[in-house]
């Protein structure tokens, strides 16, 4: 399984898929949940700039 990033809407509960964490973070509203799923052999570095 490749890395998947989704945003779960707080108001509707729907999942929207994104190609990167940065895109998901930009699209997320207050209270939304960002979910990241990745293979165990992948390294994920999250950095706020």
N, C-alpha and C. Protein backbone atom coordinates (compact mmCIF):
# COMPACT_ATOMS: atom_id res chain seq x y z
N UNK A 1 0.85 -1.17 0.00
CA UNK A 1 0.00 0.00 0.00
C UNK A 1 0.90 1.24 0.00
N UNK A 2 0.63 2.15 -0.86
CA UNK A 2 1.35 3.41 -0.90
C UNK A 2 0.83 4.34 0.19
N UNK A 3 1.52 5.42 0.40
CA UNK A 3 1.08 6.38 1.40
C UNK A 3 -0.24 7.01 0.98
N UNK A 4 -1.18 7.07 1.90
CA UNK A 4 -2.47 7.70 1.65
C UNK A 4 -2.67 8.79 2.70
N UNK A 5 -3.15 9.93 2.25
CA UNK A 5 -3.46 11.03 3.16
C UNK A 5 -4.92 11.40 2.93
N UNK A 6 -5.70 11.42 3.99
CA UNK A 6 -7.10 11.79 3.87
C UNK A 6 -7.45 12.84 4.92
N UNK A 7 -8.48 13.60 4.60
CA UNK A 7 -9.06 14.53 5.57
C UNK A 7 -10.48 14.06 5.84
N UNK A 8 -10.79 13.83 7.11
CA UNK A 8 -12.15 13.46 7.51
C UNK A 8 -12.83 14.71 8.02
N UNK A 9 -13.91 15.08 7.36
CA UNK A 9 -14.64 16.29 7.71
C UNK A 9 -15.34 16.14 9.05
N UNK A 10 -15.18 17.14 9.91
CA UNK A 10 -15.84 17.14 11.21
C UNK A 10 -17.35 17.24 11.06
N UNK A 11 -17.81 18.02 10.07
CA UNK A 11 -19.24 18.27 9.94
C UNK A 11 -19.99 17.16 9.22
N UNK A 12 -19.38 16.55 8.19
CA UNK A 12 -20.10 15.54 7.41
C UNK A 12 -19.57 14.12 7.57
N UNK A 13 -18.32 14.00 8.04
CA UNK A 13 -17.73 12.68 8.19
C UNK A 13 -17.16 12.09 6.91
N UNK A 14 -17.23 12.84 5.82
CA UNK A 14 -16.73 12.32 4.55
C UNK A 14 -15.20 12.37 4.50
N UNK A 15 -14.63 11.44 3.75
CA UNK A 15 -13.19 11.39 3.56
C UNK A 15 -12.84 11.95 2.20
N UNK A 16 -11.83 12.80 2.16
CA UNK A 16 -11.31 13.34 0.91
C UNK A 16 -9.84 12.96 0.84
N UNK A 17 -9.43 12.36 -0.30
CA UNK A 17 -8.05 11.89 -0.46
C UNK A 17 -7.17 12.97 -1.07
N UNK A 18 -5.93 13.04 -0.60
CA UNK A 18 -4.95 14.03 -1.09
C UNK A 18 -3.64 13.32 -1.41
N UNK A 19 -2.84 13.95 -2.25
CA UNK A 19 -1.56 13.36 -2.66
C UNK A 19 -0.44 13.66 -1.68
N UNK A 20 -0.64 14.62 -0.80
CA UNK A 20 0.41 14.95 0.16
C UNK A 20 -0.21 15.49 1.45
N UNK A 21 0.59 15.43 2.50
CA UNK A 21 0.17 15.98 3.79
C UNK A 21 -0.03 17.48 3.69
N UNK A 22 0.85 18.15 2.94
CA UNK A 22 0.74 19.61 2.79
C UNK A 22 -0.59 20.00 2.15
N UNK A 23 -1.00 19.27 1.13
CA UNK A 23 -2.29 19.56 0.48
C UNK A 23 -3.45 19.31 1.43
N UNK A 24 -3.38 18.22 2.18
CA UNK A 24 -4.45 17.90 3.13
C UNK A 24 -4.53 18.96 4.22
N UNK A 25 -3.39 19.38 4.69
CA UNK A 25 -3.37 20.39 5.75
C UNK A 25 -3.96 21.71 5.27
N UNK A 26 -3.65 22.08 4.04
CA UNK A 26 -4.19 23.32 3.47
C UNK A 26 -5.70 23.26 3.33
N UNK A 27 -6.21 22.08 3.02
CA UNK A 27 -7.65 21.93 2.77
C UNK A 27 -8.47 21.70 4.04
N UNK A 28 -7.82 21.28 5.10
CA UNK A 28 -8.55 20.94 6.33
C UNK A 28 -9.10 22.19 7.02
N UNK A 29 -10.29 22.02 7.56
CA UNK A 29 -10.93 23.09 8.34
C UNK A 29 -10.72 22.78 9.82
N UNK A 30 -11.04 23.73 10.67
CA UNK A 30 -10.92 23.53 12.12
C UNK A 30 -11.75 22.33 12.54
N UNK A 31 -11.14 21.41 13.28
CA UNK A 31 -11.84 20.24 13.78
C UNK A 31 -11.77 19.03 12.87
N UNK A 32 -11.32 19.21 11.63
CA UNK A 32 -11.16 18.07 10.72
C UNK A 32 -10.00 17.20 11.19
N UNK A 33 -10.00 15.94 10.80
CA UNK A 33 -8.95 15.01 11.17
C UNK A 33 -8.17 14.62 9.93
N UNK A 34 -6.84 14.75 10.00
CA UNK A 34 -5.97 14.31 8.91
C UNK A 34 -5.45 12.93 9.27
N UNK A 35 -5.67 11.97 8.35
CA UNK A 35 -5.21 10.59 8.57
C UNK A 35 -4.11 10.28 7.57
N UNK A 36 -3.02 9.68 8.05
CA UNK A 36 -1.91 9.28 7.19
C UNK A 36 -1.72 7.79 7.36
N UNK A 37 -1.71 7.07 6.24
CA UNK A 37 -1.46 5.63 6.27
C UNK A 37 -0.33 5.34 5.31
N UNK A 38 0.64 4.57 5.78
CA UNK A 38 1.81 4.30 4.95
C UNK A 38 2.34 2.91 5.25
N UNK A 39 3.12 2.37 4.31
CA UNK A 39 3.82 1.12 4.53
C UNK A 39 4.81 1.31 5.67
N UNK A 40 5.07 0.26 6.40
CA UNK A 40 5.98 0.37 7.53
C UNK A 40 7.42 0.62 7.11
N UNK A 41 7.76 0.34 5.86
CA UNK A 41 9.13 0.56 5.41
C UNK A 41 9.37 1.96 4.86
N UNK A 42 8.36 2.81 4.92
CA UNK A 42 8.50 4.19 4.46
C UNK A 42 8.77 5.11 5.64
N UNK A 43 9.54 6.15 5.41
CA UNK A 43 9.79 7.15 6.44
C UNK A 43 8.96 8.38 6.12
N UNK A 44 8.25 8.89 7.11
CA UNK A 44 7.44 10.09 6.94
C UNK A 44 7.99 11.16 7.87
N UNK A 45 8.29 12.31 7.30
CA UNK A 45 8.76 13.44 8.09
C UNK A 45 7.75 14.57 7.91
N UNK A 46 7.15 14.99 9.01
CA UNK A 46 6.19 16.09 8.98
C UNK A 46 6.88 17.33 9.51
N UNK A 47 6.83 18.38 8.74
CA UNK A 47 7.52 19.60 9.14
C UNK A 47 6.62 20.80 8.85
N UNK A 48 6.45 21.65 9.83
CA UNK A 48 5.70 22.88 9.65
C UNK A 48 6.69 23.99 9.40
N UNK A 49 6.47 24.69 8.27
CA UNK A 49 7.37 25.80 7.94
C UNK A 49 6.64 27.11 7.95
